[in-house]
Amino acid sequence: MAQAITLARPYARAAFELAHEAGTLGEWSQAFSFAAAVAKDPRVSALVGDPRVKPAQLVALHLPQGMGTDTAFAQFLQTLAEQRRLALLPEVADLYEEHKREAGSQLKVKVTSAMALDAAQTEQLKASLKRRFKREIELESHVDPALLGGVVIDTGNEVIDGSARGRLQRLASALAS
């Protein structure tokens, strides 16, 4: 996994720069979504390693319907196919989305709570996080009853553990020391 991310990183950066310069971030995002889903299909994965299948044929499989082979995205896929890197498309797509969020001053935050958050709580949390990080917030919510209460907020770079379970663990550590 780590090796795939390392290999995908320069491709994702190049794709982001191409799309950003052309002002087509959204179109590339949709195309990446489709291409990554195709790349995850085991039937397509088997074709990627088959020497009888030409790079142009693989590119055609990964292109969204209606997108021509003369587009910048198709040329990008052609480069990946020639370098035998089409299997990296899911990782490239994920990294591309990270670059897109960073450029748009958007932060993806994973929130895990003991109980499902209602709409008012979600909006209040988004507003608080927006003030703290000075960026637009995209929340991904999960429920974990084992937290007992409170929330755990993961921004990717920072984890804020406000759960009852986390507080009890910190208390136990302090008492044990």
C-alpha atoms as a PDB file:
ATOM      1  CA  MET A   1       0.000   0.000   0.000  1.00  0.00           C
ATOM      2  CA  ALA A   2       2.724   2.471   1.004  1.00  0.00           C
ATOM      3  CA  GLN A   3       4.658   1.713  -2.174  1.00  0.00           C
ATOM      4  CA  ALA A   4       1.541   2.313  -4.309  1.00  0.00           C
ATOM      5  CA  ILE A   5       0.977   5.700  -2.632  1.00  0.00           C
ATOM      6  CA  THR A   6       4.627   6.627  -3.185  1.00  0.00           C
ATOM      7  CA  LEU A   7       4.417   5.696  -6.858  1.00  0.00           C
ATOM      8  CA  ALA A   8       1.051   7.442  -7.292  1.00  0.00           C
ATOM      9  CA  ARG A   9       2.090  10.747  -5.700  1.00  0.00           C
ATOM     10  CA  PRO A  10       3.894  12.332  -8.714  1.00  0.00           C
ATOM     11  CA  TYR A  11       1.134  11.248 -11.098  1.00  0.00           C
ATOM     12  CA  ALA A  12      -1.538  12.761  -8.852  1.00  0.00           C
ATOM     13  CA  ARG A  13       0.414  16.020  -8.571  1.00  0.00           C
ATOM     14  CA  ALA A  14       0.879  16.192 -12.347  1.00  0.00           C
ATOM     15  CA  ALA A  15      -2.813  15.465 -12.949  1.00  0.00           C
ATOM     16  CA  PHE A  16      -3.833  18.143 -10.473  1.00  0.00           C
ATOM     17  CA  GLU A  17      -1.554  20.723 -12.099  1.00  0.00           C
ATOM     18  CA  LEU A  18      -2.897  19.903 -15.569  1.00  0.00           C
ATOM     19  CA  ALA A  19      -6.514  20.134 -14.427  1.00  0.00           C
ATOM     20  CA  HIS A  20      -5.896  23.267 -12.361  1.00  0.00           C
ATOM     21  CA  GLU A  21      -4.225  25.103 -15.263  1.00  0.00           C
ATOM     22  CA  ALA A  22      -7.096  24.166 -17.583  1.00  0.00           C
ATOM     23  CA  GLY A  23      -9.756  25.027 -14.985  1.00  0.00           C
ATOM     24  CA  THR A  24     -11.226  21.536 -15.214  1.00  0.00           C
ATOM     25  CA  LEU A  25     -10.782  20.235 -11.661  1.00  0.00           C
ATOM     26  CA  GLY A  26     -14.378  19.006 -11.435  1.00  0.00           C
ATOM     27  CA  GLU A  27     -14.299  17.196 -14.775  1.00  0.00           C
ATOM     28  CA  TRP A  28     -11.060  15.441 -13.882  1.00  0.00           C
ATOM     29  CA  SER A  29     -12.496  14.515 -10.499  1.00  0.00           C
ATOM     30  CA  GLN A  30     -15.487  12.817 -12.138  1.00  0.00           C
ATOM     31  CA  ALA A  31     -13.248  11.102 -14.699  1.00  0.00           C
ATOM     32  CA  PHE A  32     -10.924   9.878 -11.941  1.00  0.00           C
ATOM     33  CA  SER A  33     -13.882   8.531 -10.006  1.00  0.00           C
ATOM     34  CA  PHE A  34     -14.944   6.447 -12.998  1.00  0.00           C
ATOM     35  CA  ALA A  35     -11.422   5.342 -13.958  1.00  0.00           C
ATOM     36  CA  ALA A  36     -10.554   4.332 -10.389  1.00  0.00           C
ATOM     37  CA  ALA A  37     -13.730   2.249 -10.124  1.00  0.00           C
ATOM     38  CA  VAL A  38     -12.834   0.507 -13.389  1.00  0.00           C
ATOM     39  CA  ALA A  39      -9.258  -0.096 -12.211  1.00  0.00           C
ATOM     40  CA  LYS A  40     -10.555  -1.778  -9.030  1.00  0.00           C
ATOM     41  CA  ASP A  41     -12.544  -4.324 -11.048  1.00  0.00           C
ATOM     42  CA  PRO A  42     -10.672  -7.663 -10.908  1.00  0.00           C
ATOM     43  CA  ARG A  43     -11.522  -8.414 -14.540  1.00  0.00           C
ATOM     44  CA  VAL A  44      -9.822  -5.197 -15.644  1.00  0.00           C
ATOM     45  CA  SER A  45      -6.882  -5.774 -13.295  1.00  0.00           C
ATOM     46  CA  ALA A  46      -6.210  -9.056 -15.086  1.00  0.00           C
ATOM     47  CA  LEU A  47      -6.107  -7.235 -18.422  1.00  0.00           C
ATOM     48  CA  VAL A  48      -3.627  -4.621 -17.191  1.00  0.00           C
ATOM     49  CA  GLY A  49      -0.900  -7.263 -16.879  1.00  0.00           C
ATOM     50  CA  ASP A  50      -1.784  -9.043 -20.130  1.00  0.00           C
ATOM     51  CA  PRO A  51       0.833  -8.317 -22.834  1.00  0.00           C
ATOM     52  CA  ARG A  52      -1.733  -8.998 -25.588  1.00  0.00           C
ATOM     53  CA  VAL A  53      -3.773  -5.944 -24.527  1.00  0.00           C
ATOM     54  CA  LYS A  54      -2.460  -2.699 -25.975  1.00  0.00           C
ATOM     55  CA  PRO A  55      -2.187   0.476 -23.868  1.00  0.00           C
ATOM     56  CA  ALA A  56      -4.750   2.229 -26.103  1.00  0.00           C
ATOM     57  CA  GLN A  57      -7.275  -0.535 -25.402  1.00  0.00           C
ATOM     58  CA  LEU A  58      -6.716  -0.179 -21.651  1.00  0.00           C
ATOM     59  CA  VAL A  59      -7.145   3.597 -21.884  1.00  0.00           C
ATOM     60  CA  ALA A  60     -10.442   3.126 -23.740  1.00  0.00           C
ATOM     61  CA  LEU A  61     -11.691   0.882 -20.898  1.00  0.00           C
ATOM     62  CA  HIS A  62     -10.870   3.525 -18.274  1.00  0.00           C
ATOM     63  CA  LEU A  63     -12.376   6.524 -20.086  1.00  0.00           C
ATOM     64  CA  PRO A  64     -15.857   7.677 -19.076  1.00  0.00           C
ATOM     65  CA  GLN A  65     -18.490   7.320 -21.776  1.00  0.00           C
ATOM     66  CA  GLY A  66     -18.462  10.266 -24.167  1.00  0.00           C
ATOM     67  CA  MET A  67     -14.916  11.359 -23.350  1.00  0.00           C
ATOM     68  CA  GLY A  68     -12.691  11.404 -26.393  1.00  0.00           C
ATOM     69  CA  THR A  69      -9.222   9.965 -26.666  1.00  0.00           C
ATOM     70  CA  ASP A  70      -7.889  13.415 -27.572  1.00  0.00           C
ATOM     71  CA  THR A  71      -8.671  14.944 -24.153  1.00  0.00           C
ATOM     72  CA  ALA A  72      -5.991  15.790 -21.617  1.00  0.00           C
ATOM     73  CA  PHE A  73      -7.370  13.152 -19.243  1.00  0.00           C
ATOM     74  CA  ALA A  74      -7.141  10.482 -21.953  1.00  0.00           C
ATOM     75  CA  GLN A  75      -3.553  11.520 -22.677  1.00  0.00           C
ATOM     76  CA  PHE A  76      -2.805  11.281 -18.955  1.00  0.00           C
ATOM     77  CA  LEU A  77      -4.262   7.750 -18.887  1.00  0.00           C
ATOM     78  CA  GLN A  78      -2.208   6.916 -21.983  1.00  0.00           C
ATOM     79  CA  THR A  79       0.944   7.918 -20.108  1.00  0.00           C
ATOM     80  CA  LEU A  80      -0.073   5.730 -17.158  1.00  0.00           C
ATOM     81  CA  ALA A  81      -0.791   2.819 -19.508  1.00  0.00           C
ATOM     82  CA  GLU A  82       2.553   3.155 -21.285  1.00  0.00           C
ATOM     83  CA  GLN A  83       4.337   3.204 -17.914  1.00  0.00           C
ATOM     84  CA  ARG A  84       2.246   0.184 -16.764  1.00  0.00           C
ATOM     85  CA  ARG A  85       0.823   2.243 -13.892  1.00  0.00           C
ATOM     86  CA  LEU A  86      -2.942   1.973 -14.504  1.00  0.00           C
ATOM     87  CA  ALA A  87      -3.248  -0.212 -11.406  1.00  0.00           C
ATOM     88  CA  LEU A  88      -2.327   2.903  -9.393  1.00  0.00           C
ATOM     89  CA  LEU A  89      -5.467   4.765 -10.504  1.00  0.00           C
ATOM     90  CA  PRO A  90      -7.359   4.387  -7.177  1.00  0.00           C
ATOM     91  CA  GLU A  91      -4.406   5.866  -5.262  1.00  0.00           C
ATOM     92  CA  VAL A  92      -3.836   8.580  -7.884  1.00  0.00           C
ATOM     93  CA  ALA A  93      -7.544   9.495  -7.676  1.00  0.00           C
ATOM     94  CA  ASP A  94      -7.436   9.728  -3.863  1.00  0.00           C
ATOM     95  CA  LEU A  95      -4.311  11.896  -3.901  1.00  0.00           C
ATOM     96  CA  TYR A  96      -5.787  14.077  -6.648  1.00  0.00           C
ATOM     97  CA  GLU A  97      -8.853  14.689  -4.447  1.00  0.00           C
ATOM     98  CA  GLU A  98      -6.542  15.682  -1.563  1.00  0.00           C
ATOM     99  CA  HIS A  99      -4.777  18.222  -3.799  1.00  0.00           C
ATOM    100  CA  LYS A 100      -8.155  19.517  -4.958  1.00  0.00           C
ATOM    101  CA  ARG A 101      -9.389  19.972  -1.379  1.00  0.00           C
ATOM    102  CA  GLU A 102      -6.178  21.748  -0.350  1.00  0.00           C
ATOM    103  CA  ALA A 103      -6.410  24.117  -3.307  1.00  0.00           C
ATOM    104  CA  GLY A 104     -10.017  24.871  -2.475  1.00  0.00           C
ATOM    105  CA  SER A 105      -9.149  25.503   1.155  1.00  0.00           C
ATOM    106  CA  GLN A 106     -11.260  22.536   2.127  1.00  0.00           C
ATOM    107  CA  LEU A 107     -10.432  20.110   4.918  1.00  0.00           C
ATOM    108  CA  LYS A 108     -11.857  16.603   5.103  1.00  0.00           C
ATOM    109  CA  VAL A 109     -12.556  15.690   8.724  1.00  0.00           C
ATOM    110  CA  LYS A 110     -13.540  12.251  10.026  1.00  0.00           C
ATOM    111  CA  VAL A 111     -15.760  12.476  13.091  1.00  0.00           C
ATOM    112  CA  THR A 112     -16.444   9.381  15.164  1.00  0.00           C
ATOM    113  CA  SER A 113     -19.106   9.708  17.845  1.00  0.00           C
ATOM    114  CA  ALA A 114     -20.792   7.387  20.316  1.00  0.00           C
ATOM    115  CA  MET A 115     -24.209   8.212  18.845  1.00  0.00           C
ATOM    116  CA  ALA A 116     -25.269   9.632  15.482  1.00  0.00           C
ATOM    117  CA  LEU A 117     -24.994  13.415  15.318  1.00  0.00           C
ATOM    118  CA  ASP A 118     -28.155  15.302  14.389  1.00  0.00           C
ATOM    119  CA  ALA A 119     -28.141  18.116  11.821  1.00  0.00           C
ATOM    120  CA  ALA A 120     -27.774  20.893  14.425  1.00  0.00           C
ATOM    121  CA  GLN A 121     -24.816  19.183  16.098  1.00  0.00           C
ATOM    122  CA  THR A 122     -23.178  18.562  12.734  1.00  0.00           C
ATOM    123  CA  GLU A 123     -23.534  22.216  11.709  1.00  0.00           C
ATOM    124  CA  GLN A 124     -22.254  23.441  15.087  1.00  0.00           C
ATOM    125  CA  LEU A 125     -19.233  21.138  14.824  1.00  0.00           C
ATOM    126  CA  LYS A 126     -18.535  22.273  11.252  1.00  0.00           C
ATOM    127  CA  ALA A 127     -18.694  25.929  12.309  1.00  0.00           C
ATOM    128  CA  SER A 128     -16.312  25.329  15.244  1.00  0.00           C
ATOM    129  CA  LEU A 129     -13.851  23.433  13.052  1.00  0.00           C
ATOM    130  CA  LYS A 130     -14.068  26.108  10.357  1.00  0.00           C
ATOM    131  CA  ARG A 131     -13.109  28.778  12.933  1.00  0.00           C
ATOM    132  CA  ARG A 132     -10.235  26.679  14.252  1.00  0.00           C
ATOM    133  CA  PHE A 133      -8.740  25.600  10.922  1.00  0.00           C
ATOM    134  CA  LYS A 134      -9.815  28.622   8.827  1.00  0.00           C
ATOM    135  CA  ARG A 135     -10.924  26.329   5.994  1.00  0.00           C
ATOM    136  CA  GLU A 136     -14.161  24.928   4.642  1.00  0.00           C
ATOM    137  CA  ILE A 137     -14.980  21.625   6.339  1.00  0.00           C
ATOM    138  CA  GLU A 138     -16.188  18.400   4.738  1.00  0.00           C
ATOM    139  CA  LEU A 139     -17.421  16.044   7.475  1.00  0.00           C
ATOM    140  CA  GLU A 140     -17.400  12.271   7.281  1.00  0.00           C
ATOM    141  CA  SER A 141     -19.342  10.877  10.263  1.00  0.00           C
ATOM    142  CA  HIS A 142     -19.035   7.449  11.842  1.00  0.00           C
ATOM    143  CA  VAL A 143     -20.688   5.932  14.903  1.00  0.00           C
ATOM    144  CA  ASP A 144     -18.727   3.844  17.427  1.00  0.00           C
ATOM    145  CA  PRO A 145     -20.695   2.993  20.589  1.00  0.00           C
ATOM    146  CA  ALA A 146     -17.431   1.906  22.272  1.00  0.00           C
ATOM    147  CA  LEU A 147     -16.535   5.600  22.696  1.00  0.00           C
ATOM    148  CA  LEU A 148     -19.177   5.807  25.455  1.00  0.00           C
ATOM    149  CA  GLY A 149     -19.708   9.523  24.794  1.00  0.00           C
ATOM    150  CA  GLY A 150     -18.149  12.522  23.054  1.00  0.00           C
ATOM    151  CA  VAL A 151     -16.362  12.571  19.692  1.00  0.00           C
ATOM    152  CA  VAL A 152     -13.003  11.824  18.101  1.00  0.00           C
ATOM    153  CA  ILE A 153     -12.053  14.272  15.340  1.00  0.00           C
ATOM    154  CA  ASP A 154      -9.412  13.221  12.803  1.00  0.00           C
ATOM    155  CA  THR A 155      -8.205  15.853  10.320  1.00  0.00           C
ATOM    156  CA  GLY A 156      -5.504  13.656   8.835  1.00  0.00           C
ATOM    157  CA  ASN A 157      -2.751  15.704  10.491  1.00  0.00           C
ATOM    158  CA  GLU A 158      -4.283  16.022  13.934  1.00  0.00           C
ATOM    159  CA  VAL A 159      -6.540  13.883  16.133  1.00  0.00           C
ATOM    160  CA  ILE A 160      -8.680  15.502  18.813  1.00  0.00           C
ATOM    161  CA  ASP A 161      -9.984  12.884  21.222  1.00  0.00           C
ATOM    162  CA  GLY A 162     -12.917  14.280  23.183  1.00  0.00           C
ATOM    163  CA  SER A 163     -14.458  10.881  23.876  1.00  0.00           C
ATOM    164  CA  ALA A 164     -15.273   9.501  27.301  1.00  0.00           C
ATOM    165  CA  ARG A 165     -13.215   6.405  26.501  1.00  0.00           C
ATOM    166  CA  GLY A 166     -10.197   8.594  25.658  1.00  0.00           C
ATOM    167  CA  ARG A 167     -10.577  10.577  28.874  1.00  0.00           C
ATOM    168  CA  LEU A 168     -10.795   7.376  30.925  1.00  0.00           C
ATOM    169  CA  GLN A 169      -7.658   6.029  29.227  1.00  0.00           C
ATOM    170  CA  ARG A 170      -5.761   9.269  29.971  1.00  0.00           C
ATOM    171  CA  LEU A 171      -6.943   9.127  33.585  1.00  0.00           C
ATOM    172  CA  ALA A 172      -5.830   5.494  33.910  1.00  0.00           C
ATOM    173  CA  SER A 173      -2.404   6.411  32.479  1.00  0.00           C
ATOM    174  CA  ALA A 174      -2.051   9.324  34.882  1.00  0.00           C
ATOM    175  CA  LEU A 175      -2.982   7.139  37.871  1.00  0.00           C
ATOM    176  CA  ALA A 176      -0.601   4.381  36.787  1.00  0.00           C
ATOM    177  CA  SER A 177       2.339   6.793  36.542  1.00  0.00           C
END
